[in-house]
Amino acid sequence: MIQRLKRTARRLKRDTFALYLAARHRDTPWYAKAVAAGVAAYALSPIDLIPDFIPVLGYLDDLLLLPVGIALSIRLIPDHVLEECRARADEVFADGRPVSRAAAAAILSLWILGAFLLTVVLMRAWTTFG
């Protein structure tokens, strides 16, 4: 059972990276690119929708949202693109874990921008209703 879980985890990692690659592939339709990019960004982001320290709910988003998002993305991406991206992901993981400082900086920037915008909205609401 442990080996099966390890294989499933490796496959999810590979598919997440393959989605990242598919989101940048020229043959992927725009709607599939949008879904794949969103799922890959969420999966690779260090910040979760529901923080992991919240009992039960913290891991629920990882256990439900990610597999559903990955499955939806895989259905939207053309088969030949997905096969090519999975093969490329296997090559990259064979050499070790992929690292992209630019992607990390972009994701961090988006989260900071989102936090700033949320703060602005909350401050306006506070002054309007408070």
C-alpha atoms as a PDB file:
ATOM      1  CA  MET A   1       0.000   0.000   0.000  1.00  0.00           C
ATOM      2  CA  ILE A   2       2.855   2.388   0.805  1.00  0.00           C
ATOM      3  CA  GLN A   3       4.428   1.752  -2.596  1.00  0.00           C
ATOM      4  CA  ARG A   4       1.109   2.499  -4.303  1.00  0.00           C
ATOM      5  CA  LEU A   5       0.832   5.790  -2.439  1.00  0.00           C
ATOM      6  CA  LYS A   6       4.387   6.703  -3.415  1.00  0.00           C
ATOM      7  CA  ARG A   7       3.655   5.947  -7.084  1.00  0.00           C
ATOM      8  CA  THR A   8       0.491   8.044  -6.936  1.00  0.00           C
ATOM      9  CA  ALA A   9       2.374  10.945  -5.332  1.00  0.00           C
ATOM     10  CA  ARG A  10       5.099  10.768  -8.005  1.00  0.00           C
ATOM     11  CA  ARG A  11       2.441  10.689 -10.735  1.00  0.00           C
ATOM     12  CA  LEU A  12       0.702  13.744  -9.241  1.00  0.00           C
ATOM     13  CA  LYS A  13       4.007  15.639  -9.098  1.00  0.00           C
ATOM     14  CA  ARG A  14       4.746  14.715 -12.686  1.00  0.00           C
ATOM     15  CA  ASP A  15       1.273  15.658 -13.862  1.00  0.00           C
ATOM     16  CA  THR A  16       1.432  18.990 -12.043  1.00  0.00           C
ATOM     17  CA  PHE A  17       4.684  19.847 -13.772  1.00  0.00           C
ATOM     18  CA  ALA A  18       3.268  18.530 -17.066  1.00  0.00           C
ATOM     19  CA  LEU A  19       0.319  20.924 -16.611  1.00  0.00           C
ATOM     20  CA  TYR A  20       2.764  23.777 -16.151  1.00  0.00           C
ATOM     21  CA  LEU A  21       4.448  22.775 -19.404  1.00  0.00           C
ATOM     22  CA  ALA A  22       1.119  22.305 -21.193  1.00  0.00           C
ATOM     23  CA  ALA A  23      -0.004  25.774 -20.123  1.00  0.00           C
ATOM     24  CA  ARG A  24       2.950  27.134 -22.096  1.00  0.00           C
ATOM     25  CA  HIS A  25       2.570  24.783 -25.086  1.00  0.00           C
ATOM     26  CA  ARG A  26       1.512  26.382 -28.385  1.00  0.00           C
ATOM     27  CA  ASP A  27      -0.970  23.593 -29.242  1.00  0.00           C
ATOM     28  CA  THR A  28      -2.923  23.885 -25.998  1.00  0.00           C
ATOM     29  CA  PRO A  29      -6.260  25.740 -26.370  1.00  0.00           C
ATOM     30  CA  TRP A  30      -6.516  29.014 -24.430  1.00  0.00           C
ATOM     31  CA  TYR A  31      -9.184  27.719 -22.023  1.00  0.00           C
ATOM     32  CA  ALA A  32      -7.078  24.652 -21.203  1.00  0.00           C
ATOM     33  CA  LYS A  33      -4.049  26.919 -20.707  1.00  0.00           C
ATOM     34  CA  ALA A  34      -6.017  29.036 -18.233  1.00  0.00           C
ATOM     35  CA  VAL A  35      -7.191  26.045 -16.197  1.00  0.00           C
ATOM     36  CA  ALA A  36      -3.805  24.277 -16.321  1.00  0.00           C
ATOM     37  CA  ALA A  37      -1.919  27.437 -15.332  1.00  0.00           C
ATOM     38  CA  GLY A  38      -4.277  28.036 -12.417  1.00  0.00           C
ATOM     39  CA  VAL A  39      -4.007  24.472 -11.154  1.00  0.00           C
ATOM     40  CA  ALA A  40      -0.214  24.383 -11.542  1.00  0.00           C
ATOM     41  CA  ALA A  41       0.171  27.765  -9.829  1.00  0.00           C
ATOM     42  CA  TYR A  42      -2.027  26.678  -6.930  1.00  0.00           C
ATOM     43  CA  ALA A  43      -0.241  23.334  -6.610  1.00  0.00           C
ATOM     44  CA  LEU A  44       3.203  24.913  -6.681  1.00  0.00           C
ATOM     45  CA  SER A  45       2.289  27.880  -4.492  1.00  0.00           C
ATOM     46  CA  PRO A  46       3.547  27.793  -0.917  1.00  0.00           C
ATOM     47  CA  ILE A  47       0.315  29.495   0.190  1.00  0.00           C
ATOM     48  CA  ASP A  48      -2.923  27.474   0.355  1.00  0.00           C
ATOM     49  CA  LEU A  49      -6.514  28.608   0.025  1.00  0.00           C
ATOM     50  CA  ILE A  50      -7.147  27.081   3.442  1.00  0.00           C
ATOM     51  CA  PRO A  51      -4.001  27.053   5.643  1.00  0.00           C
ATOM     52  CA  ASP A  52      -2.781  23.565   6.531  1.00  0.00           C
ATOM     53  CA  PHE A  53      -2.687  24.288  10.277  1.00  0.00           C
ATOM     54  CA  ILE A  54      -6.510  24.350  10.393  1.00  0.00           C
ATOM     55  CA  PRO A  55      -7.524  20.842  11.495  1.00  0.00           C
ATOM     56  CA  VAL A  56      -9.068  18.672   8.754  1.00  0.00           C
ATOM     57  CA  LEU A  57     -10.045  21.605   6.499  1.00  0.00           C
ATOM     58  CA  GLY A  58      -6.403  22.568   5.983  1.00  0.00           C
ATOM     59  CA  TYR A  59      -5.665  19.459   3.976  1.00  0.00           C
ATOM     60  CA  LEU A  60      -9.111  19.173   2.432  1.00  0.00           C
ATOM     61  CA  ASP A  61      -8.281  21.658  -0.331  1.00  0.00           C
ATOM     62  CA  ASP A  62      -5.159  19.668  -1.216  1.00  0.00           C
ATOM     63  CA  LEU A  63      -7.046  16.376  -1.182  1.00  0.00           C
ATOM     64  CA  LEU A  64     -10.055  17.600  -3.182  1.00  0.00           C
ATOM     65  CA  LEU A  65      -9.239  20.719  -5.191  1.00  0.00           C
ATOM     66  CA  LEU A  66      -5.929  19.616  -6.647  1.00  0.00           C
ATOM     67  CA  PRO A  67      -7.009  16.192  -7.939  1.00  0.00           C
ATOM     68  CA  VAL A  68     -10.213  17.658  -9.398  1.00  0.00           C
ATOM     69  CA  GLY A  69      -8.279  20.515 -11.010  1.00  0.00           C
ATOM     70  CA  ILE A  70      -5.660  18.163 -12.402  1.00  0.00           C
ATOM     71  CA  ALA A  71      -8.336  15.817 -13.774  1.00  0.00           C
ATOM     72  CA  LEU A  72     -10.195  18.718 -15.403  1.00  0.00           C
ATOM     73  CA  SER A  73      -7.004  20.077 -16.934  1.00  0.00           C
ATOM     74  CA  ILE A  74      -6.015  16.676 -18.284  1.00  0.00           C
ATOM     75  CA  ARG A  75      -9.423  16.333 -19.962  1.00  0.00           C
ATOM     76  CA  LEU A  76      -9.070  19.761 -21.622  1.00  0.00           C
ATOM     77  CA  ILE A  77      -5.514  19.336 -22.934  1.00  0.00           C
ATOM     78  CA  PRO A  78      -5.130  17.502 -26.278  1.00  0.00           C
ATOM     79  CA  ASP A  79      -3.695  14.000 -25.885  1.00  0.00           C
ATOM     80  CA  HIS A  80      -0.578  14.589 -28.005  1.00  0.00           C
ATOM     81  CA  VAL A  81       0.294  17.711 -25.983  1.00  0.00           C
ATOM     82  CA  LEU A  82      -0.224  15.913 -22.683  1.00  0.00           C
ATOM     83  CA  GLU A  83       1.944  12.969 -23.765  1.00  0.00           C
ATOM     84  CA  GLU A  84       4.723  15.324 -24.868  1.00  0.00           C
ATOM     85  CA  CYS A  85       4.550  17.322 -21.631  1.00  0.00           C
ATOM     86  CA  ARG A  86       4.499  14.192 -19.459  1.00  0.00           C
ATOM     87  CA  ALA A  87       7.576  12.871 -21.283  1.00  0.00           C
ATOM     88  CA  ARG A  88       9.353  16.202 -20.726  1.00  0.00           C
ATOM     89  CA  ALA A  89       8.316  16.175 -17.052  1.00  0.00           C
ATOM     90  CA  ASP A  90       9.714  12.644 -16.667  1.00  0.00           C
ATOM     91  CA  GLU A  91      13.030  13.852 -18.144  1.00  0.00           C
ATOM     92  CA  VAL A  92      13.193  16.803 -15.778  1.00  0.00           C
ATOM     93  CA  PHE A  93      12.359  14.702 -12.699  1.00  0.00           C
ATOM     94  CA  ALA A  94      14.946  12.106 -13.720  1.00  0.00           C
ATOM     95  CA  ASP A  95      17.592  14.840 -13.356  1.00  0.00           C
ATOM     96  CA  GLY A  96      16.254  15.895  -9.956  1.00  0.00           C
ATOM     97  CA  ARG A  97      13.582  18.234  -8.753  1.00  0.00           C
ATOM     98  CA  PRO A  98      12.785  21.213 -11.020  1.00  0.00           C
ATOM     99  CA  VAL A  99      13.512  24.635  -9.566  1.00  0.00           C
ATOM    100  CA  SER A 100      12.355  27.913 -11.014  1.00  0.00           C
ATOM    101  CA  ARG A 101      13.214  31.055  -9.105  1.00  0.00           C
ATOM    102  CA  ALA A 102      11.286  33.128 -11.652  1.00  0.00           C
ATOM    103  CA  ALA A 103       8.122  31.094 -11.064  1.00  0.00           C
ATOM    104  CA  ALA A 104       8.560  31.368  -7.301  1.00  0.00           C
ATOM    105  CA  ALA A 105       9.002  35.137  -7.593  1.00  0.00           C
ATOM    106  CA  ALA A 106       5.936  35.436  -9.839  1.00  0.00           C
ATOM    107  CA  ILE A 107       3.747  33.392  -7.485  1.00  0.00           C
ATOM    108  CA  LEU A 108       4.982  35.323  -4.462  1.00  0.00           C
ATOM    109  CA  SER A 109       4.315  38.613  -6.272  1.00  0.00           C
ATOM    110  CA  LEU A 110       0.766  37.535  -7.115  1.00  0.00           C
ATOM    111  CA  TRP A 111       0.063  36.585  -3.507  1.00  0.00           C
ATOM    112  CA  ILE A 112       1.481  39.894  -2.261  1.00  0.00           C
ATOM    113  CA  LEU A 113      -0.641  41.792  -4.801  1.00  0.00           C
ATOM    114  CA  GLY A 114      -3.714  39.809  -3.751  1.00  0.00           C
ATOM    115  CA  ALA A 115      -3.051  40.517  -0.067  1.00  0.00           C
ATOM    116  CA  PHE A 116      -2.600  44.221  -0.833  1.00  0.00           C
ATOM    117  CA  LEU A 117      -5.850  44.392  -2.824  1.00  0.00           C
ATOM    118  CA  LEU A 118      -7.718  42.530  -0.095  1.00  0.00           C
ATOM    119  CA  THR A 119      -6.348  44.965   2.484  1.00  0.00           C
ATOM    120  CA  VAL A 120      -7.476  47.939   0.386  1.00  0.00           C
ATOM    121  CA  VAL A 121     -10.975  46.493  -0.004  1.00  0.00           C
ATOM    122  CA  LEU A 122     -11.243  45.710   3.708  1.00  0.00           C
ATOM    123  CA  MET A 123      -9.982  49.160   4.687  1.00  0.00           C
ATOM    124  CA  ARG A 124     -12.549  50.835   2.407  1.00  0.00           C
ATOM    125  CA  ALA A 125     -15.306  48.643   3.807  1.00  0.00           C
ATOM    126  CA  TRP A 126     -14.174  49.425   7.360  1.00  0.00           C
ATOM    127  CA  THR A 127     -14.238  53.188   6.762  1.00  0.00           C
ATOM    128  CA  THR A 128     -17.551  53.036   4.905  1.00  0.00           C
ATOM    129  CA  PHE A 129     -19.420  50.870   7.415  1.00  0.00           C
ATOM    130  CA  GLY A 130     -17.378  51.507  10.535  1.00  0.00           C
END
